[in-house]
mmCIF file of all heavy atoms, coordinates in Angstrom:
data_MODEL
# 
_entry.id   MODEL 
# 
loop_
_atom_site.group_PDB 
_atom_site.id 
_atom_site.type_symbol 
_atom_site.label_atom_id 
_atom_site.label_alt_id 
_atom_site.label_comp_id 
_atom_site.label_asym_id 
_atom_site.label_entity_id 
_atom_site.label_seq_id 
_atom_site.pdbx_PDB_ins_code 
_atom_site.Cartn_x 
_atom_site.Cartn_y 
_atom_site.Cartn_z 
_atom_site.occupancy 
_atom_site.B_iso_or_equiv 
_atom_site.pdbx_formal_charge 
_atom_site.auth_seq_id 
_atom_site.auth_comp_id 
_atom_site.auth_asym_id 
_atom_site.auth_atom_id 
_atom_site.pdbx_PDB_model_num 
ATOM 1   N N   . LEU A 1 1  ? -14.743 112.282 -5.723  1.00 0.00 ? 1  LEU A N   1 
ATOM 2   C CA  . LEU A 1 1  ? -13.308 112.291 -5.479  1.00 0.00 ? 1  LEU A CA  1 
ATOM 3   C C   . LEU A 1 1  ? -12.941 113.577 -4.761  1.00 0.00 ? 1  LEU A C   1 
ATOM 4   O O   . LEU A 1 1  ? -13.689 114.546 -4.767  1.00 0.00 ? 1  LEU A O   1 
ATOM 5   C CB  . LEU A 1 1  ? -12.496 112.123 -6.784  1.00 0.00 ? 1  LEU A CB  1 
ATOM 6   C CG  . LEU A 1 1  ? -12.673 113.121 -7.916  1.00 0.00 ? 1  LEU A CG  1 
ATOM 7   C CD1 . LEU A 1 1  ? -11.943 114.417 -7.654  1.00 0.00 ? 1  LEU A CD1 1 
ATOM 8   C CD2 . LEU A 1 1  ? -12.128 112.499 -9.186  1.00 0.00 ? 1  LEU A CD2 1 
ATOM 9   N N   . ASP A 1 2  ? -11.814 113.536 -4.123  1.00 0.00 ? 2  ASP A N   1 
ATOM 10  C CA  . ASP A 1 2  ? -11.309 114.681 -3.370  1.00 0.00 ? 2  ASP A CA  1 
ATOM 11  C C   . ASP A 1 2  ? -10.247 115.385 -4.206  1.00 0.00 ? 2  ASP A C   1 
ATOM 12  O O   . ASP A 1 2  ? -9.207  114.790 -4.504  1.00 0.00 ? 2  ASP A O   1 
ATOM 13  C CB  . ASP A 1 2  ? -10.716 114.185 -2.051  1.00 0.00 ? 2  ASP A CB  1 
ATOM 14  C CG  . ASP A 1 2  ? -10.117 115.289 -1.198  1.00 0.00 ? 2  ASP A CG  1 
ATOM 15  O OD1 . ASP A 1 2  ? -10.159 116.471 -1.605  1.00 0.00 ? 2  ASP A OD1 1 
ATOM 16  O OD2 . ASP A 1 2  ? -9.595  114.962 -0.117  1.00 0.00 ? 2  ASP A OD2 1 
ATOM 17  N N   . PRO A 1 3  ? -10.483 116.639 -4.598  1.00 0.00 ? 3  PRO A N   1 
ATOM 18  C CA  . PRO A 1 3  ? -9.493  117.320 -5.427  1.00 0.00 ? 3  PRO A CA  1 
ATOM 19  C C   . PRO A 1 3  ? -8.155  117.548 -4.727  1.00 0.00 ? 3  PRO A C   1 
ATOM 20  O O   . PRO A 1 3  ? -7.146  117.783 -5.389  1.00 0.00 ? 3  PRO A O   1 
ATOM 21  C CB  . PRO A 1 3  ? -10.162 118.647 -5.787  1.00 0.00 ? 3  PRO A CB  1 
ATOM 22  C CG  . PRO A 1 3  ? -11.227 118.831 -4.774  1.00 0.00 ? 3  PRO A CG  1 
ATOM 23  C CD  . PRO A 1 3  ? -11.642 117.466 -4.321  1.00 0.00 ? 3  PRO A CD  1 
ATOM 24  N N   . THR A 1 4  ? -8.138  117.438 -3.392  1.00 0.00 ? 4  THR A N   1 
ATOM 25  C CA  . THR A 1 4  ? -6.878  117.601 -2.665  1.00 0.00 ? 4  THR A CA  1 
ATOM 26  C C   . THR A 1 4  ? -6.130  116.273 -2.503  1.00 0.00 ? 4  THR A C   1 
ATOM 27  O O   . THR A 1 4  ? -5.042  116.255 -1.934  1.00 0.00 ? 4  THR A O   1 
ATOM 28  C CB  . THR A 1 4  ? -7.099  118.233 -1.280  1.00 0.00 ? 4  THR A CB  1 
ATOM 29  O OG1 . THR A 1 4  ? -7.862  117.334 -0.473  1.00 0.00 ? 4  THR A OG1 1 
ATOM 30  C CG2 . THR A 1 4  ? -7.808  119.579 -1.393  1.00 0.00 ? 4  THR A CG2 1 
ATOM 31  N N   . GLU A 1 5  ? -6.729  115.189 -3.016  1.00 0.00 ? 5  GLU A N   1 
ATOM 32  C CA  . GLU A 1 5  ? -6.063  113.882 -2.963  1.00 0.00 ? 5  GLU A CA  1 
ATOM 33  C C   . GLU A 1 5  ? -4.680  113.999 -3.606  1.00 0.00 ? 5  GLU A C   1 
ATOM 34  O O   . GLU A 1 5  ? -4.513  114.599 -4.649  1.00 0.00 ? 5  GLU A O   1 
ATOM 35  C CB  . GLU A 1 5  ? -6.886  112.847 -3.729  1.00 0.00 ? 5  GLU A CB  1 
ATOM 36  C CG  . GLU A 1 5  ? -6.244  111.483 -3.817  1.00 0.00 ? 5  GLU A CG  1 
ATOM 37  C CD  . GLU A 1 5  ? -7.048  110.540 -4.703  1.00 0.00 ? 5  GLU A CD  1 
ATOM 38  O OE1 . GLU A 1 5  ? -8.285  110.645 -4.755  1.00 0.00 ? 5  GLU A OE1 1 
ATOM 39  O OE2 . GLU A 1 5  ? -6.412  109.690 -5.368  1.00 0.00 ? 5  GLU A OE2 1 
ATOM 40  N N   . ARG A 1 6  ? -3.681  113.440 -2.930  1.00 0.00 ? 6  ARG A N   1 
ATOM 41  C CA  . ARG A 1 6  ? -2.300  113.503 -3.414  1.00 0.00 ? 6  ARG A CA  1 
ATOM 42  C C   . ARG A 1 6  ? -1.998  112.258 -4.246  1.00 0.00 ? 6  ARG A C   1 
ATOM 43  O O   . ARG A 1 6  ? -2.398  111.156 -3.897  1.00 0.00 ? 6  ARG A O   1 
ATOM 44  C CB  . ARG A 1 6  ? -1.326  113.571 -2.239  1.00 0.00 ? 6  ARG A CB  1 
ATOM 45  C CG  . ARG A 1 6  ? -1.663  114.591 -1.168  1.00 0.00 ? 6  ARG A CG  1 
ATOM 46  C CD  . ARG A 1 6  ? -1.418  116.000 -1.518  1.00 0.00 ? 6  ARG A CD  1 
ATOM 47  N NE  . ARG A 1 6  ? 0.002   116.278 -1.692  1.00 0.00 ? 6  ARG A NE  1 
ATOM 48  C CZ  . ARG A 1 6  ? 0.458   117.444 -2.088  1.00 0.00 ? 6  ARG A CZ  1 
ATOM 49  N NH1 . ARG A 1 6  ? -0.362  118.431 -2.328  1.00 0.00 ? 6  ARG A NH1 1 
ATOM 50  N NH2 . ARG A 1 6  ? 1.738   117.649 -2.236  1.00 0.00 ? 6  ARG A NH2 1 
ATOM 51  N N   . VAL A 1 7  ? -1.311  112.482 -5.342  1.00 0.00 ? 7  VAL A N   1 
ATOM 52  C CA  . VAL A 1 7  ? -0.837  111.383 -6.188  1.00 0.00 ? 7  VAL A CA  1 
ATOM 53  C C   . VAL A 1 7  ? 0.665   111.566 -6.389  1.00 0.00 ? 7  VAL A C   1 
ATOM 54  O O   . VAL A 1 7  ? 1.177   112.682 -6.331  1.00 0.00 ? 7  VAL A O   1 
ATOM 55  C CB  . VAL A 1 7  ? -1.565  111.324 -7.549  1.00 0.00 ? 7  VAL A CB  1 
ATOM 56  C CG1 . VAL A 1 7  ? -3.033  110.978 -7.381  1.00 0.00 ? 7  VAL A CG1 1 
ATOM 57  C CG2 . VAL A 1 7  ? -1.410  112.620 -8.320  1.00 0.00 ? 7  VAL A CG2 1 
ATOM 58  N N   . VAL A 1 8  ? 1.345   110.465 -6.607  1.00 0.00 ? 8  VAL A N   1 
ATOM 59  C CA  . VAL A 1 8  ? 2.767   110.522 -6.914  1.00 0.00 ? 8  VAL A CA  1 
ATOM 60  C C   . VAL A 1 8  ? 2.924   110.185 -8.397  1.00 0.00 ? 8  VAL A C   1 
ATOM 61  O O   . VAL A 1 8  ? 2.424   109.163 -8.865  1.00 0.00 ? 8  VAL A O   1 
ATOM 62  C CB  . VAL A 1 8  ? 3.578   109.536 -6.048  1.00 0.00 ? 8  VAL A CB  1 
ATOM 63  C CG1 . VAL A 1 8  ? 5.046   109.545 -6.453  1.00 0.00 ? 8  VAL A CG1 1 
ATOM 64  C CG2 . VAL A 1 8  ? 3.427   109.899 -4.568  1.00 0.00 ? 8  VAL A CG2 1 
ATOM 65  N N   . VAL A 1 9  ? 3.572   111.075 -9.114  1.00 0.00 ? 9  VAL A N   1 
ATOM 66  C CA  . VAL A 1 9  ? 3.805   110.896 -10.548 1.00 0.00 ? 9  VAL A CA  1 
ATOM 67  C C   . VAL A 1 9  ? 5.308   110.706 -10.742 1.00 0.00 ? 9  VAL A C   1 
ATOM 68  O O   . VAL A 1 9  ? 6.103   111.573 -10.385 1.00 0.00 ? 9  VAL A O   1 
ATOM 69  C CB  . VAL A 1 9  ? 3.310   112.117 -11.357 1.00 0.00 ? 9  VAL A CB  1 
ATOM 70  C CG1 . VAL A 1 9  ? 3.514   111.893 -12.845 1.00 0.00 ? 9  VAL A CG1 1 
ATOM 71  C CG2 . VAL A 1 9  ? 1.846   112.418 -11.038 1.00 0.00 ? 9  VAL A CG2 1 
ATOM 72  N N   . SER A 1 10 ? 5.674   109.549 -11.287 1.00 0.00 ? 10 SER A N   1 
ATOM 73  C CA  . SER A 1 10 ? 7.099   109.260 -11.481 1.00 0.00 ? 10 SER A CA  1 
ATOM 74  C C   . SER A 1 10 ? 7.517   109.639 -12.897 1.00 0.00 ? 10 SER A C   1 
ATOM 75  O O   . SER A 1 10 ? 6.691   109.675 -13.809 1.00 0.00 ? 10 SER A O   1 
ATOM 76  C CB  . SER A 1 10 ? 7.381   107.788 -11.213 1.00 0.00 ? 10 SER A CB  1 
ATOM 77  O OG  . SER A 1 10 ? 6.974   107.017 -12.314 1.00 0.00 ? 10 SER A OG  1 
ATOM 78  N N   . PRO A 1 11 ? 8.800   109.893 -13.102 1.00 0.00 ? 11 PRO A N   1 
ATOM 79  C CA  . PRO A 1 11 ? 9.294   110.193 -14.449 1.00 0.00 ? 11 PRO A CA  1 
ATOM 80  C C   . PRO A 1 11 ? 8.985   109.077 -15.452 1.00 0.00 ? 11 PRO A C   1 
ATOM 81  O O   . PRO A 1 11 ? 8.835   109.346 -16.636 1.00 0.00 ? 11 PRO A O   1 
ATOM 82  C CB  . PRO A 1 11 ? 10.799  110.368 -14.255 1.00 0.00 ? 11 PRO A CB  1 
ATOM 83  C CG  . PRO A 1 11 ? 10.941  110.798 -12.843 1.00 0.00 ? 11 PRO A CG  1 
ATOM 84  C CD  . PRO A 1 11 ? 9.860   110.048 -12.095 1.00 0.00 ? 11 PRO A CD  1 
ATOM 85  N N   . ALA A 1 12 ? 8.840   107.846 -14.961 1.00 0.00 ? 12 ALA A N   1 
ATOM 86  C CA  . ALA A 1 12 ? 8.517   106.730 -15.853 1.00 0.00 ? 12 ALA A CA  1 
ATOM 87  C C   . ALA A 1 12 ? 7.138   106.875 -16.479 1.00 0.00 ? 12 ALA A C   1 
ATOM 88  O O   . ALA A 1 12 ? 6.847   106.256 -17.498 1.00 0.00 ? 12 ALA A O   1 
ATOM 89  C CB  . ALA A 1 12 ? 8.611   105.411 -15.090 1.00 0.00 ? 12 ALA A CB  1 
ATOM 90  N N   . GLU A 1 13 ? 6.278   107.686 -15.875 1.00 0.00 ? 13 GLU A N   1 
ATOM 91  C CA  . GLU A 1 13 ? 4.929   107.908 -16.396 1.00 0.00 ? 13 GLU A CA  1 
ATOM 92  C C   . GLU A 1 13 ? 4.867   109.058 -17.391 1.00 0.00 ? 13 GLU A C   1 
ATOM 93  O O   . GLU A 1 13 ? 3.802   109.361 -17.917 1.00 0.00 ? 13 GLU A O   1 
ATOM 94  C CB  . GLU A 1 13 ? 3.965   108.226 -15.248 1.00 0.00 ? 13 GLU A CB  1 
ATOM 95  C CG  . GLU A 1 13 ? 3.795   107.136 -14.239 1.00 0.00 ? 13 GLU A CG  1 
ATOM 96  C CD  . GLU A 1 13 ? 2.935   107.587 -13.074 1.00 0.00 ? 13 GLU A CD  1 
ATOM 97  O OE1 . GLU A 1 13 ? 1.704   107.715 -13.267 1.00 0.00 ? 13 GLU A OE1 1 
ATOM 98  O OE2 . GLU A 1 13 ? 3.492   107.823 -11.988 1.00 0.00 ? 13 GLU A OE2 1 
ATOM 99  N N   . ALA A 1 14 ? 5.984   109.706 -17.648 1.00 0.00 ? 14 ALA A N   1 
ATOM 100 C CA  . ALA A 1 14 ? 5.997   110.906 -18.485 1.00 0.00 ? 14 ALA A CA  1 
ATOM 101 C C   . ALA A 1 14 ? 5.532   110.607 -19.899 1.00 0.00 ? 14 ALA A C   1 
ATOM 102 O O   . ALA A 1 14 ? 5.874   109.590 -20.485 1.00 0.00 ? 14 ALA A O   1 
ATOM 103 C CB  . ALA A 1 14 ? 7.399   111.505 -18.521 1.00 0.00 ? 14 ALA A CB  1 
ATOM 104 N N   . SER A 1 15 ? 4.730   111.518 -20.413 1.00 0.00 ? 15 SER A N   1 
ATOM 105 C CA  . SER A 1 15 ? 4.275   111.467 -21.803 1.00 0.00 ? 15 SER A CA  1 
ATOM 106 C C   . SER A 1 15 ? 4.959   112.582 -22.568 1.00 0.00 ? 15 SER A C   1 
ATOM 107 O O   . SER A 1 15 ? 5.467   113.529 -21.987 1.00 0.00 ? 15 SER A O   1 
ATOM 108 C CB  . SER A 1 15 ? 2.761   111.684 -21.871 1.00 0.00 ? 15 SER A CB  1 
ATOM 109 O OG  . SER A 1 15 ? 2.083   110.612 -21.295 1.00 0.00 ? 15 SER A OG  1 
ATOM 110 N N   . LEU A 1 16 ? 4.908   112.479 -23.857 1.00 0.00 ? 16 LEU A N   1 
ATOM 111 C CA  . LEU A 1 16 ? 5.465   113.507 -24.708 1.00 0.00 ? 16 LEU A CA  1 
ATOM 112 C C   . LEU A 1 16 ? 4.865   114.861 -24.349 1.00 0.00 ? 16 LEU A C   1 
ATOM 113 O O   . LEU A 1 16 ? 3.688   114.981 -24.099 1.00 0.00 ? 16 LEU A O   1 
ATOM 114 C CB  . LEU A 1 16 ? 5.143   113.182 -26.165 1.00 0.00 ? 16 LEU A CB  1 
ATOM 115 C CG  . LEU A 1 16 ? 5.563   114.227 -27.180 1.00 0.00 ? 16 LEU A CG  1 
ATOM 116 C CD1 . LEU A 1 16 ? 7.080   114.274 -27.268 1.00 0.00 ? 16 LEU A CD1 1 
ATOM 117 C CD2 . LEU A 1 16 ? 4.941   113.932 -28.516 1.00 0.00 ? 16 LEU A CD2 1 
ATOM 118 N N   . GLY A 1 17 ? 5.678   115.857 -24.331 1.00 0.00 ? 17 GLY A N   1 
ATOM 119 C CA  . GLY A 1 17 ? 5.238   117.219 -24.040 1.00 0.00 ? 17 GLY A CA  1 
ATOM 120 C C   . GLY A 1 17 ? 6.410   117.959 -23.439 1.00 0.00 ? 17 GLY A C   1 
ATOM 121 O O   . GLY A 1 17 ? 7.180   117.386 -22.678 1.00 0.00 ? 17 GLY A O   1 
ATOM 122 N N   . GLY A 1 18 ? 6.570   119.207 -23.758 1.00 0.00 ? 18 GLY A N   1 
ATOM 123 C CA  . GLY A 1 18 ? 7.765   119.924 -23.356 1.00 0.00 ? 18 GLY A CA  1 
ATOM 124 C C   . GLY A 1 18 ? 7.701   120.638 -22.039 1.00 0.00 ? 18 GLY A C   1 
ATOM 125 O O   . GLY A 1 18 ? 8.618   121.364 -21.687 1.00 0.00 ? 18 GLY A O   1 
ATOM 126 N N   . GLN A 1 19 ? 6.640   120.481 -21.266 1.00 0.00 ? 19 GLN A N   1 
ATOM 127 C CA  . GLN A 1 19 ? 6.513   121.221 -20.023 1.00 0.00 ? 19 GLN A CA  1 
ATOM 128 C C   . GLN A 1 19 ? 5.768   120.382 -18.984 1.00 0.00 ? 19 GLN A C   1 
ATOM 129 O O   . GLN A 1 19 ? 5.208   119.371 -19.305 1.00 0.00 ? 19 GLN A O   1 
ATOM 130 C CB  . GLN A 1 19 ? 5.752   122.532 -20.259 1.00 0.00 ? 19 GLN A CB  1 
ATOM 131 C CG  . GLN A 1 19 ? 4.302   122.360 -20.665 1.00 0.00 ? 19 GLN A CG  1 
ATOM 132 C CD  . GLN A 1 19 ? 4.101   121.946 -22.105 1.00 0.00 ? 19 GLN A CD  1 
ATOM 133 O OE1 . GLN A 1 19 ? 4.930   122.234 -22.943 1.00 0.00 ? 19 GLN A OE1 1 
ATOM 134 N NE2 . GLN A 1 19 ? 3.031   121.259 -22.403 1.00 0.00 ? 19 GLN A NE2 1 
ATOM 135 N N   . GLY A 1 20 ? 5.812   120.875 -17.756 1.00 0.00 ? 20 GLY A N   1 
ATOM 136 C CA  . GLY A 1 20 ? 5.049   120.226 -16.696 1.00 0.00 ? 20 GLY A CA  1 
ATOM 137 C C   . GLY A 1 20 ? 5.718   118.983 -16.149 1.00 0.00 ? 20 GLY A C   1 
ATOM 138 O O   . GLY A 1 20 ? 6.939   118.912 -15.998 1.00 0.00 ? 20 GLY A O   1 
ATOM 139 N N   . LEU A 1 21 ? 4.895   117.991 -15.855 1.00 0.00 ? 21 LEU A N   1 
ATOM 140 C CA  . LEU A 1 21 ? 5.356   116.790 -15.171 1.00 0.00 ? 21 LEU A CA  1 
ATOM 141 C C   . LEU A 1 21 ? 6.288   115.922 -16.011 1.00 0.00 ? 21 LEU A C   1 
ATOM 142 O O   . LEU A 1 21 ? 6.987   115.078 -15.469 1.00 0.00 ? 21 LEU A O   1 
ATOM 143 C CB  . LEU A 1 21 ? 4.152   115.973 -14.707 1.00 0.00 ? 21 LEU A CB  1 
ATOM 144 C CG  . LEU A 1 21 ? 3.271   116.660 -13.665 1.00 0.00 ? 21 LEU A CG  1 
ATOM 145 C CD1 . LEU A 1 21 ? 1.983   115.877 -13.441 1.00 0.00 ? 21 LEU A CD1 1 
ATOM 146 C CD2 . LEU A 1 21 ? 4.029   116.859 -12.362 1.00 0.00 ? 21 LEU A CD2 1 
ATOM 147 N N   . CYS A 1 22 ? 6.354   116.145 -17.314 1.00 0.00 ? 22 CYS A N   1 
ATOM 148 C CA  . CYS A 1 22 ? 7.211   115.306 -18.155 1.00 0.00 ? 22 CYS A CA  1 
ATOM 149 C C   . CYS A 1 22 ? 8.684   115.666 -18.029 1.00 0.00 ? 22 CYS A C   1 
ATOM 150 O O   . CYS A 1 22 ? 9.540   114.919 -18.483 1.00 0.00 ? 22 CYS A O   1 
ATOM 151 C CB  . CYS A 1 22 ? 6.784   115.393 -19.616 1.00 0.00 ? 22 CYS A CB  1 
ATOM 152 S SG  . CYS A 1 22 ? 7.214   116.940 -20.412 1.00 0.00 ? 22 CYS A SG  1 
ATOM 153 N N   . ILE A 1 23 ? 9.002   116.790 -17.419 1.00 0.00 ? 23 ILE A N   1 
ATOM 154 C CA  . ILE A 1 23 ? 10.406  117.192 -17.344 1.00 0.00 ? 23 ILE A CA  1 
ATOM 155 C C   . ILE A 1 23 ? 11.037  116.906 -15.987 1.00 0.00 ? 23 ILE A C   1 
ATOM 156 O O   . ILE A 1 23 ? 12.199  117.213 -15.775 1.00 0.00 ? 23 ILE A O   1 
ATOM 157 C CB  . ILE A 1 23 ? 10.591  118.682 -17.703 1.00 0.00 ? 23 ILE A CB  1 
ATOM 158 C CG1 . ILE A 1 23 ? 9.891   119.588 -16.694 1.00 0.00 ? 23 ILE A CG1 1 
ATOM 159 C CG2 . ILE A 1 23 ? 10.127  118.955 -19.120 1.00 0.00 ? 23 ILE A CG2 1 
ATOM 160 C CD1 . ILE A 1 23 ? 10.213  121.060 -16.865 1.00 0.00 ? 23 ILE A CD1 1 
ATOM 161 N N   . THR A 1 24 ? 10.286  116.287 -15.080 1.00 0.00 ? 24 THR A N   1 
ATOM 162 C CA  . THR A 1 24 ? 10.834  116.023 -13.758 1.00 0.00 ? 24 THR A CA  1 
ATOM 163 C C   . THR A 1 24 ? 11.815  114.858 -13.810 1.00 0.00 ? 24 THR A C   1 
ATOM 164 O O   . THR A 1 24 ? 11.663  113.930 -14.606 1.00 0.00 ? 24 THR A O   1 
ATOM 165 C CB  . THR A 1 24 ? 9.732   115.727 -12.725 1.00 0.00 ? 24 THR A CB  1 
ATOM 166 O OG1 . THR A 1 24 ? 9.059   114.526 -13.093 1.00 0.00 ? 24 THR A OG1 1 
ATOM 167 C CG2 . THR A 1 24 ? 8.745   116.873 -12.637 1.00 0.00 ? 24 THR A CG2 1 
ATOM 168 N N   . GLU A 1 25 ? 12.800  114.918 -12.976 1.00 0.00 ? 25 GLU A N   1 
ATOM 169 C CA  . GLU A 1 25 ? 13.792  113.847 -12.867 1.00 0.00 ? 25 GLU A CA  1 
ATOM 170 C C   . GLU A 1 25 ? 13.487  112.922 -11.693 1.00 0.00 ? 25 GLU A C   1 
ATOM 171 O O   . GLU A 1 25 ? 14.034  111.831 -11.603 1.00 0.00 ? 25 GLU A O   1 
ATOM 172 C CB  . GLU A 1 25 ? 15.193  114.448 -12.676 1.00 0.00 ? 25 GLU A CB  1 
ATOM 173 C CG  . GLU A 1 25 ? 15.649  115.320 -13.829 1.00 0.00 ? 25 GLU A CG  1 
ATOM 174 C CD  . GLU A 1 25 ? 15.999  114.530 -15.086 1.00 0.00 ? 25 GLU A CD  1 
ATOM 175 O OE1 . GLU A 1 25 ? 16.346  113.342 -14.963 1.00 0.00 ? 25 GLU A OE1 1 
ATOM 176 O OE2 . GLU A 1 25 ? 15.914  115.110 -16.171 1.00 0.00 ? 25 GLU A OE2 1 
ATOM 177 N N   . ASP A 1 26 ? 12.630  113.377 -10.784 1.00 0.00 ? 26 ASP A N   1 
ATOM 178 C CA  . ASP A 1 26 ? 12.291  112.624 -9.584  1.00 0.00 ? 26 ASP A CA  1 
ATOM 179 C C   . ASP A 1 26 ? 10.777  112.526 -9.467  1.00 0.00 ? 26 ASP A C   1 
ATOM 180 O O   . ASP A 1 26 ? 10.051  113.354 -10.032 1.00 0.00 ? 26 ASP A O   1 
ATOM 181 C CB  . ASP A 1 26 ? 12.846  113.335 -8.338  1.00 0.00 ? 26 ASP A CB  1 
ATOM 182 C CG  . ASP A 1 26 ? 14.351  113.509 -8.419  1.00 0.00 ? 26 ASP A CG  1 
ATOM 183 O OD1 . ASP A 1 26 ? 15.048  112.494 -8.551  1.00 0.00 ? 26 ASP A OD1 1 
ATOM 184 O OD2 . ASP A 1 26 ? 14.811  114.666 -8.371  1.00 0.00 ? 26 ASP A OD2 1 
# 
């Protein structure tokens, strides 16, 4: 795999946790 591969993470994918990708609105 390519570590520079881009992924899109949506707020609908958020898991419990108080920081990082779970707090995004977009």
